[in-house]
């Protein structure tokens, strides 16, 4: 969670590197997408730590993908229709936020999955089948 907030702050600080007319499109693409990534990462970790079935984890992955796709679609349409920001700039910032979110969350999920497997294998070793 702290790493997501750090990346969010660094992304907002990097706005100063870009032309002023791009700021709104970058902010609208970066902030909601990274917040959605943060919520999705928390959901993924909770599903893995709660030792649920694989189909439930896959459902989180599929609905997370569809949610991000909807966010991209709605944001691009709103930018194109309103003219407040460039949809291309929005898409670039949103995709950068998705890549950053995945780079943060997937190692955490992999670590939690390895921990879960080691816990499951140690508990099955202590209770051999009769």
Protein backbone atom coordinates (compact mmCIF):
# COMPACT_ATOMS: atom_id res chain seq x y z
CA UNK A 1 0.00 0.00 0.00
CA UNK A 2 2.79 2.41 0.89
CA UNK A 3 4.57 1.64 -2.34
CA UNK A 4 1.43 2.47 -4.33
CA UNK A 5 1.13 5.82 -2.56
CA UNK A 6 4.80 6.55 -3.24
CA UNK A 7 4.37 5.76 -6.94
CA UNK A 8 1.22 7.90 -7.02
CA UNK A 9 3.11 10.85 -5.53
CA UNK A 10 6.07 10.41 -7.87
CA UNK A 11 3.72 10.30 -10.83
CA UNK A 12 2.07 13.51 -9.76
CA UNK A 13 5.44 15.19 -9.24
CA UNK A 14 6.50 14.11 -12.72
CA UNK A 15 3.66 16.24 -14.14
CA UNK A 16 6.04 19.17 -13.84
CA UNK A 17 8.21 17.62 -16.56
CA UNK A 18 5.44 17.77 -19.15
CA UNK A 19 3.79 20.68 -20.97
CA UNK A 20 0.98 22.43 -19.10
CA UNK A 21 -1.71 21.42 -21.59
CA UNK A 22 -0.99 17.74 -20.86
CA UNK A 23 -1.40 18.01 -17.07
CA UNK A 24 -5.13 17.30 -16.90
CA UNK A 25 -4.96 14.29 -19.22
CA UNK A 26 -2.01 12.85 -17.33
CA UNK A 27 -3.62 13.38 -13.94
CA UNK A 28 -6.98 11.95 -15.04
CA UNK A 29 -5.22 8.93 -16.49
CA UNK A 30 -2.75 8.37 -13.65
CA UNK A 31 -4.75 8.91 -10.45
CA UNK A 32 -7.92 6.81 -10.95
CA UNK A 33 -6.07 4.01 -12.71
CA UNK A 34 -3.42 3.69 -10.02
CA UNK A 35 -6.08 3.80 -7.30
CA UNK A 36 -7.96 1.02 -9.13
CA UNK A 37 -4.71 -0.96 -9.32
CA UNK A 38 -4.22 -0.49 -5.59
CA UNK A 39 -7.71 -1.81 -4.82
CA UNK A 40 -7.23 -4.73 -7.20
CA UNK A 41 -3.89 -5.59 -5.59
CA UNK A 42 -5.50 -5.64 -2.15
CA UNK A 43 -8.27 -7.89 -3.44
CA UNK A 44 -5.80 -10.27 -5.07
CA UNK A 45 -3.78 -10.57 -1.86
CA UNK A 46 -6.86 -11.14 0.25
CA UNK A 47 -8.03 -13.90 -2.09
CA UNK A 48 -4.64 -15.61 -2.00
CA UNK A 49 -4.25 -15.28 1.78
CA UNK A 50 -7.78 -16.53 2.49
CA UNK A 51 -6.87 -19.80 0.75
CA UNK A 52 -9.84 -19.74 -1.59
CA UNK A 53 -10.25 -21.89 -4.64
CA UNK A 54 -8.45 -21.17 -7.90
CA UNK A 55 -11.63 -20.20 -9.74
CA UNK A 56 -12.21 -17.39 -7.25
CA UNK A 57 -8.73 -16.02 -7.88
CA UNK A 58 -9.34 -16.26 -11.62
CA UNK A 59 -12.61 -14.37 -11.18
CA UNK A 60 -10.73 -11.55 -9.43
CA UNK A 61 -8.23 -11.47 -12.28
CA UNK A 62 -10.92 -11.42 -14.99
CA UNK A 63 -13.10 -8.79 -13.32
CA UNK A 64 -10.02 -6.70 -12.57
CA UNK A 65 -9.07 -6.80 -16.24
CA UNK A 66 -12.60 -5.88 -17.30
CA UNK A 67 -12.68 -3.04 -14.76
CA UNK A 68 -9.42 -1.60 -16.06
CA UNK A 69 -10.63 -1.94 -19.63
CA UNK A 70 -13.84 -0.11 -18.73
CA UNK A 71 -11.84 2.64 -17.02
CA UNK A 72 -9.70 3.08 -20.14
CA UNK A 73 -12.71 3.10 -22.43
CA UNK A 74 -14.79 5.55 -20.38
CA UNK A 75 -11.85 7.88 -19.79
CA UNK A 76 -10.93 7.99 -23.47
CA UNK A 77 -14.54 8.61 -24.51
CA UNK A 78 -14.97 11.37 -21.93
CA UNK A 79 -11.76 13.05 -23.06
CA UNK A 80 -12.71 12.87 -26.72
CA UNK A 81 -16.29 14.07 -26.19
CA UNK A 82 -15.59 16.85 -23.69
CA UNK A 83 -12.35 18.13 -25.21
CA UNK A 84 -10.95 18.84 -21.73
CA UNK A 85 -7.96 16.57 -22.22
CA UNK A 86 -6.33 14.56 -24.95
CA UNK A 87 -7.47 10.95 -25.01
CA UNK A 88 -4.02 9.90 -26.22
CA UNK A 89 -2.32 11.48 -23.23
CA UNK A 90 -4.94 9.95 -20.95
CA UNK A 91 -4.36 6.49 -22.42
CA UNK A 92 -0.58 6.79 -22.08
CA UNK A 93 -0.85 7.80 -18.42
CA UNK A 94 -3.44 5.11 -17.66
CA UNK A 95 -1.36 2.39 -19.30
CA UNK A 96 1.72 3.56 -17.40
CA UNK A 97 -0.29 3.32 -14.18
CA UNK A 98 -1.45 -0.20 -15.09
CA UNK A 99 2.14 -1.30 -15.76
CA UNK A 100 3.32 0.28 -12.50
CA UNK A 101 0.50 -1.35 -10.55
CA UNK A 102 1.18 -4.76 -12.02
CA UNK A 103 4.91 -4.42 -11.35
CA UNK A 104 4.13 -3.74 -7.70
CA UNK A 105 1.31 -6.22 -7.09
CA UNK A 106 2.34 -9.34 -8.99
CA UNK A 107 5.54 -9.97 -6.95
CA UNK A 108 3.46 -9.59 -3.78
CA UNK A 109 0.91 -12.11 -5.06
CA UNK A 110 3.69 -14.52 -6.07
CA UNK A 111 5.25 -14.25 -2.62
CA UNK A 112 1.90 -14.87 -0.92
CA UNK A 113 1.27 -17.84 -3.22
CA UNK A 114 4.67 -19.37 -2.38
CA UNK A 115 3.97 -18.87 1.33
CA UNK A 116 0.55 -20.51 0.92
CA UNK A 117 2.05 -23.49 -0.90
CA UNK A 118 4.72 -23.99 1.74
CA UNK A 119 2.07 -23.82 4.48
CA UNK A 120 -0.14 -26.33 2.67
CA UNK A 121 2.71 -28.75 2.02
CA UNK A 122 3.97 -28.62 5.60
CA UNK A 123 0.50 -29.28 6.98
CA UNK A 124 -0.01 -32.24 4.63
CA UNK A 125 3.40 -33.68 5.63
CA UNK A 126 2.50 -33.63 9.30
CA UNK A 127 -0.77 -35.53 8.71
CA UNK A 128 0.02 -38.43 6.37
CA UNK A 129 -2.96 -40.23 4.83
CA UNK A 130 -4.02 -43.43 6.56
